[in-house]
Protein backbone atom coordinates (compact mmCIF):
# COMPACT_ATOMS: atom_id res chain seq x y z
CA MET A 1 -5.16 7.92 -5.32
CA ILE A 2 -7.56 5.98 -3.12
CA LYS A 3 -6.49 2.48 -2.10
CA ARG A 4 -8.07 -0.41 -0.23
CA LEU A 5 -6.24 -3.03 1.77
CA THR A 6 -6.19 -6.60 0.44
CA LYS A 7 -6.51 -9.66 2.67
CA HIS A 8 -3.23 -11.59 2.74
CA GLY A 9 -3.47 -14.59 5.09
CA ASN A 10 -4.20 -13.24 8.57
CA SER A 11 -2.85 -9.82 7.58
CA LEU A 12 -3.77 -6.98 5.25
CA ALA A 13 -1.60 -5.80 2.36
CA LEU A 14 -1.36 -2.50 0.51
CA VAL A 15 -0.73 -3.03 -3.22
CA ILE A 16 1.44 -0.34 -4.83
CA GLU A 17 1.16 0.12 -8.60
CA ARG A 18 4.18 -0.34 -10.88
CA GLY A 19 4.24 3.38 -11.82
CA VAL A 20 4.70 4.45 -8.20
CA LEU A 21 7.31 1.74 -7.63
CA ASP A 22 9.23 2.90 -10.70
CA LEU A 23 8.98 6.55 -9.69
CA LEU A 24 10.42 5.80 -6.24
CA ASN A 25 12.90 3.23 -7.55
CA ILE A 26 11.45 0.53 -5.27
CA ASP A 27 11.30 -3.20 -5.96
CA ALA A 28 10.50 -6.33 -3.94
CA ASP A 29 13.98 -6.28 -2.38
CA THR A 30 13.93 -2.64 -1.22
CA PRO A 31 13.74 -2.37 2.58
CA LEU A 32 10.94 -0.04 3.69
CA SER A 33 10.47 1.89 6.91
CA VAL A 34 6.83 2.01 8.07
CA THR A 35 6.02 4.73 10.61
CA THR A 36 2.98 6.64 11.79
CA ASN A 37 2.27 10.00 13.33
CA GLY A 38 -0.90 8.66 14.94
CA THR A 39 -3.22 9.49 12.04
CA SER A 40 -1.20 8.71 8.91
CA LEU A 41 0.89 5.82 7.69
CA VAL A 42 4.27 6.76 6.19
CA VAL A 43 6.17 4.22 4.07
CA THR A 44 9.72 5.29 3.18
CA PRO A 45 12.37 3.36 1.25
CA ILE A 46 15.57 2.86 3.23
CA ARG A 47 18.53 3.88 1.10
CA ASP A 48 22.10 2.75 1.56
CA GLU A 49 23.88 6.11 1.87
CA LYS A 50 27.34 4.61 1.20
CA LYS A 51 26.09 2.99 -2.00
CA GLU A 52 24.43 6.21 -3.16
CA GLN A 53 27.62 8.18 -2.44
CA ARG A 54 29.67 5.69 -4.50
CA VAL A 55 27.25 6.13 -7.42
CA ARG A 56 27.42 9.93 -7.15
CA THR A 57 31.22 9.77 -7.08
CA ALA A 58 31.33 7.45 -10.11
CA VAL A 59 28.97 9.71 -12.09
CA ALA A 60 31.02 12.80 -11.20
CA GLU A 61 34.23 11.04 -12.26
CA GLY A 62 32.63 9.90 -15.53
CA ASN A 63 31.43 13.43 -16.22
CA ARG A 64 34.89 14.82 -15.43
CA ARG A 65 36.65 12.34 -17.71
CA TYR A 66 34.16 12.04 -20.57
CA GLY A 67 31.83 15.03 -20.24
CA ARG A 68 33.26 17.05 -23.14
CA MET A 69 33.28 14.02 -25.45
CA LEU A 70 29.69 13.12 -24.55
CA LYS A 71 28.63 16.73 -25.08
CA ARG A 72 30.18 16.73 -28.56
CA LEU A 73 28.46 13.44 -29.38
CA ALA A 74 25.11 14.86 -28.26
CA ASP A 75 25.44 17.93 -30.50
């Protein structure tokens, strides 16, 4: 994908398409880390590890409690 920067006031902006945003689970409120190695720009979403761990725990608990029932419903 080749992109061009867009003028935004006295700055330049990089517009990211909806498909890429959806794929990376990024929205306007997602904090992003912008770094460089000297030749490339790297934009990485900053994830809240505690929040992600709570979600993983909740999913595991749901699977433990309701996994067999959901499997039967799917069949």
